[in-house]
C-alpha atoms as a PDB file:
ATOM      1  CA  MET A   1      89.190 141.113 218.172  1.00  0.00           C
ATOM      2  CA  SER A   2      86.903 144.157 218.007  1.00  0.00           C
ATOM      3  CA  ALA A   3      89.074 145.918 220.609  1.00  0.00           C
ATOM      4  CA  ASP A   4      92.071 145.563 218.269  1.00  0.00           C
ATOM      5  CA  ASN A   5      90.078 147.004 215.350  1.00  0.00           C
ATOM      6  CA  SER A   6      89.156 150.116 217.311  1.00  0.00           C
ATOM      7  CA  ARG A   7      92.816 150.879 217.937  1.00  0.00           C
ATOM      8  CA  ARG A   8      93.885 150.548 214.303  1.00  0.00           C
ATOM      9  CA  PRO A   9      93.616 153.700 212.225  1.00  0.00           C
ATOM     10  CA  ARG A  10      90.738 153.488 209.824  1.00  0.00           C
ATOM     11  CA  PRO A  11      91.600 153.954 206.148  1.00  0.00           C
ATOM     12  CA  VAL A  12      88.790 156.475 205.749  1.00  0.00           C
ATOM     13  CA  LEU A  13      90.211 158.631 208.536  1.00  0.00           C
ATOM     14  CA  LEU A  14      93.711 158.420 207.076  1.00  0.00           C
ATOM     15  CA  LEU A  15      92.479 159.434 203.637  1.00  0.00           C
ATOM     16  CA  ALA A  16      90.460 162.296 205.096  1.00  0.00           C
ATOM     17  CA  ALA A  17      93.541 163.456 207.008  1.00  0.00           C
ATOM     18  CA  PHE A  18      95.560 163.275 203.785  1.00  0.00           C
ATOM     19  CA  GLY A  19      92.947 165.407 202.073  1.00  0.00           C
ATOM     20  CA  MET A  20      92.983 168.030 204.805  1.00  0.00           C
ATOM     21  CA  ILE A  21      96.772 168.184 204.678  1.00  0.00           C
ATOM     22  CA  ALA A  22      96.707 168.578 200.890  1.00  0.00           C
ATOM     23  CA  MET A  23      94.140 171.383 201.134  1.00  0.00           C
ATOM     24  CA  SER A  24      96.244 173.162 203.755  1.00  0.00           C
ATOM     25  CA  LEU A  25      99.384 172.776 201.664  1.00  0.00           C
ATOM     26  CA  GLY A  26      97.598 174.204 198.630  1.00  0.00           C
ATOM     27  CA  ALA A  27      96.393 177.253 200.514  1.00  0.00           C
ATOM     28  CA  GLY A  28      99.790 177.698 202.151  1.00  0.00           C
ATOM     29  CA  LEU A  29     101.600 177.351 198.824  1.00  0.00           C
ATOM     30  CA  PHE A  30      99.610 180.158 197.294  1.00  0.00           C
ATOM     31  CA  GLY A  31      99.775 182.399 200.359  1.00  0.00           C
ATOM     32  CA  ILE A  32     103.531 182.086 200.800  1.00  0.00           C
ATOM     33  CA  GLY A  33     104.197 182.414 197.083  1.00  0.00           C
ATOM     34  CA  ALA A  34     102.009 185.497 196.759  1.00  0.00           C
ATOM     35  CA  PHE A  35     103.693 187.080 199.778  1.00  0.00           C
ATOM     36  CA  LEU A  36     107.164 186.428 198.328  1.00  0.00           C
ATOM     37  CA  GLU A  37     106.212 187.867 194.931  1.00  0.00           C
ATOM     38  CA  ILE A  38     104.752 191.006 196.509  1.00  0.00           C
ATOM     39  CA  ALA A  39     107.852 191.392 198.705  1.00  0.00           C
ATOM     40  CA  LYS A  40     110.038 191.059 195.602  1.00  0.00           C
ATOM     41  CA  LEU A  41     107.957 193.702 193.823  1.00  0.00           C
ATOM     42  CA  SER A  42     108.408 196.185 196.657  1.00  0.00           C
ATOM     43  CA  ARG A  43     112.194 195.619 196.686  1.00  0.00           C
ATOM     44  CA  VAL A  44     112.507 196.057 192.909  1.00  0.00           C
ATOM     45  CA  ALA A  45     110.401 199.234 192.957  1.00  0.00           C
ATOM     46  CA  ALA A  46     112.911 200.698 195.437  1.00  0.00           C
ATOM     47  CA  TRP A  47     115.964 199.927 193.256  1.00  0.00           C
ATOM     48  CA  PRO A  48     117.782 202.991 191.931  1.00  0.00           C
ATOM     49  CA  THR A  49     117.417 203.784 188.241  1.00  0.00           C
ATOM     50  CA  VAL A  50     119.864 204.706 185.494  1.00  0.00           C
ATOM     51  CA  GLU A  51     119.389 205.531 181.840  1.00  0.00           C
ATOM     52  CA  GLY A  52     119.897 202.742 179.350  1.00  0.00           C
ATOM     53  CA  THR A  53     119.569 202.104 175.632  1.00  0.00           C
ATOM     54  CA  ILE A  54     117.833 199.204 173.876  1.00  0.00           C
ATOM     55  CA  THR A  55     120.388 197.315 171.765  1.00  0.00           C
ATOM     56  CA  ALA A  56     118.223 194.402 170.548  1.00  0.00           C
ATOM     57  CA  SER A  57     114.487 193.803 170.390  1.00  0.00           C
ATOM     58  CA  ALA A  58     112.555 190.950 168.795  1.00  0.00           C
ATOM     59  CA  ALA A  59     109.874 188.323 169.332  1.00  0.00           C
ATOM     60  CA  ILE A  60     111.604 184.954 169.210  1.00  0.00           C
ATOM     61  CA  PRO A  61     109.971 181.524 168.771  1.00  0.00           C
ATOM     62  CA  GLY A  62     110.445 178.378 170.794  1.00  0.00           C
ATOM     63  CA  CYS A  63     110.940 179.629 174.319  1.00  0.00           C
ATOM     64  CA  ARG A  64     111.973 176.812 176.660  1.00  0.00           C
ATOM     65  CA  GLY A  65     111.204 174.004 174.261  1.00  0.00           C
ATOM     66  CA  THR A  66     107.647 175.074 173.421  1.00  0.00           C
ATOM     67  CA  THR A  67     106.037 176.527 170.332  1.00  0.00           C
ATOM     68  CA  GLY A  68     105.271 179.846 172.023  1.00  0.00           C
ATOM     69  CA  PHE A  69     107.031 183.168 171.567  1.00  0.00           C
ATOM     70  CA  SER A  70     108.782 185.491 173.973  1.00  0.00           C
ATOM     71  CA  PRO A  71     110.167 188.999 173.693  1.00  0.00           C
ATOM     72  CA  ALA A  72     113.977 189.040 173.500  1.00  0.00           C
ATOM     73  CA  LEU A  73     115.284 192.382 174.700  1.00  0.00           C
ATOM     74  CA  GLU A  74     118.818 193.553 175.339  1.00  0.00           C
ATOM     75  CA  TYR A  75     119.848 196.898 176.727  1.00  0.00           C
ATOM     76  CA  SER A  76     123.036 198.575 177.844  1.00  0.00           C
ATOM     77  CA  TYR A  77     123.479 200.736 180.924  1.00  0.00           C
ATOM     78  CA  VAL A  78     126.271 202.161 183.041  1.00  0.00           C
ATOM     79  CA  VAL A  79     126.655 202.023 186.829  1.00  0.00           C
ATOM     80  CA  ASN A  80     129.680 203.723 188.453  1.00  0.00           C
ATOM     81  CA  ASP A  81     131.482 203.919 185.077  1.00  0.00           C
ATOM     82  CA  VAL A  82     131.044 200.148 184.514  1.00  0.00           C
ATOM     83  CA  HIS A  83     129.125 199.074 181.388  1.00  0.00           C
ATOM     84  CA  PHE A  84     126.483 196.351 181.732  1.00  0.00           C
ATOM     85  CA  GLN A  85     124.178 194.466 179.361  1.00  0.00           C
ATOM     86  CA  GLY A  86     120.723 193.480 180.566  1.00  0.00           C
ATOM     87  CA  LYS A  87     118.115 191.113 179.148  1.00  0.00           C
ATOM     88  CA  ARG A  88     115.379 191.058 181.786  1.00  0.00           C
ATOM     89  CA  LEU A  89     112.112 192.858 181.183  1.00  0.00           C
ATOM     90  CA  ASP A  90     110.939 192.137 184.733  1.00  0.00           C
ATOM     91  CA  LEU A  91     111.630 189.682 187.540  1.00  0.00           C
ATOM     92  CA  GLY A  92     108.667 187.467 186.696  1.00  0.00           C
ATOM     93  CA  MET A  93     108.909 184.016 185.216  1.00  0.00           C
ATOM     94  CA  ALA A  94     109.752 183.826 181.518  1.00  0.00           C
ATOM     95  CA  VAL A  95     106.368 183.350 179.919  1.00  0.00           C
ATOM     96  CA  CYS A  96     105.725 181.872 176.499  1.00  0.00           C
ATOM     97  CA  ASP A  97     103.054 183.824 174.712  1.00  0.00           C
ATOM     98  CA  THR A  98     101.487 184.277 171.303  1.00  0.00           C
ATOM     99  CA  GLN A  99     103.598 185.800 168.569  1.00  0.00           C
ATOM    100  CA  ASP A 100     101.401 188.933 168.577  1.00  0.00           C
ATOM    101  CA  ASN A 101     101.783 189.546 172.311  1.00  0.00           C
ATOM    102  CA  ALA A 102     105.541 188.946 172.258  1.00  0.00           C
ATOM    103  CA  ALA A 103     105.876 191.279 169.244  1.00  0.00           C
ATOM    104  CA  ARG A 104     103.765 193.925 170.999  1.00  0.00           C
ATOM    105  CA  ILE A 105     106.172 193.929 173.954  1.00  0.00           C
ATOM    106  CA  ALA A 106     109.206 194.043 171.633  1.00  0.00           C
ATOM    107  CA  GLN A 107     107.663 196.985 169.727  1.00  0.00           C
ATOM    108  CA  ARG A 108     107.426 198.975 172.976  1.00  0.00           C
ATOM    109  CA  TYR A 109     111.227 198.771 173.137  1.00  0.00           C
ATOM    110  CA  PRO A 110     112.641 199.531 169.670  1.00  0.00           C
ATOM    111  CA  VAL A 111     116.423 199.446 169.176  1.00  0.00           C
ATOM    112  CA  GLY A 112     117.975 202.792 170.129  1.00  0.00           C
ATOM    113  CA  LYS A 113     115.197 203.790 172.536  1.00  0.00           C
ATOM    114  CA  HIS A 114     116.372 205.371 175.783  1.00  0.00           C
ATOM    115  CA  VAL A 115     114.855 203.545 178.743  1.00  0.00           C
ATOM    116  CA  THR A 116     114.848 203.674 182.522  1.00  0.00           C
ATOM    117  CA  VAL A 117     116.712 200.693 183.947  1.00  0.00           C
ATOM    118  CA  HIS A 118     116.037 199.566 187.534  1.00  0.00           C
ATOM    119  CA  VAL A 119     119.325 198.285 188.955  1.00  0.00           C
ATOM    120  CA  ASN A 120     119.890 196.047 191.975  1.00  0.00           C
ATOM    121  CA  PRO A 121     122.163 198.189 194.167  1.00  0.00           C
ATOM    122  CA  SER A 122     123.979 195.189 195.643  1.00  0.00           C
ATOM    123  CA  ARG A 123     124.414 193.458 192.242  1.00  0.00           C
ATOM    124  CA  PRO A 124     124.426 196.012 189.405  1.00  0.00           C
ATOM    125  CA  ALA A 125     124.522 193.251 186.778  1.00  0.00           C
ATOM    126  CA  GLU A 126     120.940 192.429 187.835  1.00  0.00           C
ATOM    127  CA  ALA A 127     118.531 194.885 186.264  1.00  0.00           C
ATOM    128  CA  VAL A 128     115.016 195.118 184.851  1.00  0.00           C
ATOM    129  CA  LEU A 129     113.118 197.539 182.658  1.00  0.00           C
ATOM    130  CA  GLU A 130     109.774 197.129 184.391  1.00  0.00           C
ATOM    131  CA  PRO A 131     109.772 196.953 188.197  1.00  0.00           C
ATOM    132  CA  ALA A 132     106.593 194.904 188.237  1.00  0.00           C
ATOM    133  CA  VAL A 133     106.308 191.209 188.954  1.00  0.00           C
ATOM    134  CA  GLU A 134     104.815 189.349 186.013  1.00  0.00           C
ATOM    135  CA  THR A 135     101.397 188.033 186.918  1.00  0.00           C
ATOM    136  CA  GLY A 136     102.352 184.723 185.316  1.00  0.00           C
ATOM    137  CA  ALA A 137     104.183 183.781 188.514  1.00  0.00           C
ATOM    138  CA  LEU A 138     101.105 184.436 190.641  1.00  0.00           C
ATOM    139  CA  ARG A 139      98.924 182.635 188.109  1.00  0.00           C
ATOM    140  CA  PHE A 140     101.200 179.589 188.229  1.00  0.00           C
ATOM    141  CA  MET A 141     101.148 179.531 192.041  1.00  0.00           C
ATOM    142  CA  GLY A 142      97.373 179.924 192.058  1.00  0.00           C
ATOM    143  CA  ILE A 143      96.923 177.008 189.668  1.00  0.00           C
ATOM    144  CA  ALA A 144      99.305 174.856 191.714  1.00  0.00           C
ATOM    145  CA  ALA A 145      97.453 175.768 194.912  1.00  0.00           C
ATOM    146  CA  LEU A 146      94.090 174.921 193.316  1.00  0.00           C
ATOM    147  CA  LEU A 147      95.388 171.551 192.113  1.00  0.00           C
ATOM    148  CA  VAL A 148      96.761 170.604 195.519  1.00  0.00           C
ATOM    149  CA  SER A 149      93.654 171.876 197.316  1.00  0.00           C
ATOM    150  CA  GLY A 150      91.409 170.178 194.774  1.00  0.00           C
ATOM    151  CA  THR A 151      93.198 166.899 195.382  1.00  0.00           C
ATOM    152  CA  GLY A 152      92.548 167.389 199.081  1.00  0.00           C
ATOM    153  CA  LEU A 153      88.844 168.040 198.486  1.00  0.00           C
ATOM    154  CA  TYR A 154      88.668 164.992 196.234  1.00  0.00           C
ATOM    155  CA  TRP A 155      89.882 162.857 199.131  1.00  0.00           C
ATOM    156  CA  VAL A 156      88.046 164.609 201.959  1.00  0.00           C
ATOM    157  CA  LEU A 157      84.460 164.952 200.738  1.00  0.00           C
ATOM    158  CA  PRO A 158      83.670 161.316 199.858  1.00  0.00           C
ATOM    159  CA  ARG A 159      85.368 160.075 203.018  1.00  0.00           C
ATOM    160  CA  ALA A 160      83.492 162.569 205.164  1.00  0.00           C
ATOM    161  CA  ARG A 161      80.212 161.214 203.765  1.00  0.00           C
ATOM    162  CA  VAL A 162      81.269 157.666 204.635  1.00  0.00           C
ATOM    163  CA  LEU A 163      82.209 158.720 208.168  1.00  0.00           C
ATOM    164  CA  LEU A 164      78.902 160.504 208.685  1.00  0.00           C
ATOM    165  CA  ARG A 165      76.907 157.525 207.435  1.00  0.00           C
ATOM    166  CA  ARG A 166      78.799 155.171 209.743  1.00  0.00           C
ATOM    167  CA  ARG A 167      78.092 157.390 212.727  1.00  0.00           C
ATOM    168  CA  GLY A 168      74.416 157.812 211.901  1.00  0.00           C
ATOM    169  CA  GLY A 169      74.604 161.420 210.711  1.00  0.00           C
ATOM    170  CA  LYS A 170      73.277 162.891 207.485  1.00  0.00           C
ATOM    171  CA  ALA A 171      75.655 162.970 204.572  1.00  0.00           C
ATOM    172  CA  PRO A 172      75.688 166.196 202.568  1.00  0.00           C
END
């Protein structure tokens, strides 16, 4: 019967393997996400620019079902004699913020202000005022990566101690 037990996977080894996989996924999630955001930033920075005009600017409450605030901007611009309306400040994730921070952004873009609009050359309806990627996206990916990696560590460390004790080694 002991020969059969040695062939069966041990639960401790399976849990340790799960932990290592989770840690790797967490690190990979952040690395790939950061690379994609930086690649997006470099593409947006290369978009051609046109002049636009702010048509609406305010800090609005209740973004995406929360109690936070977000800046609501609208601007008009023309590409090849076609008029467009834009609403994107940047290509980052819409971030809910405090009323003061959202108002501060809205105040930078008062109605009537002439602005530089970065326009996607293959889709002129896609445009942004700031060709930077909002750090909120990177922050979100970093938090997600830490949670997944932390879950992996939670499973790996205690199981590694058990394995070391069973094999006669010193547990950390």
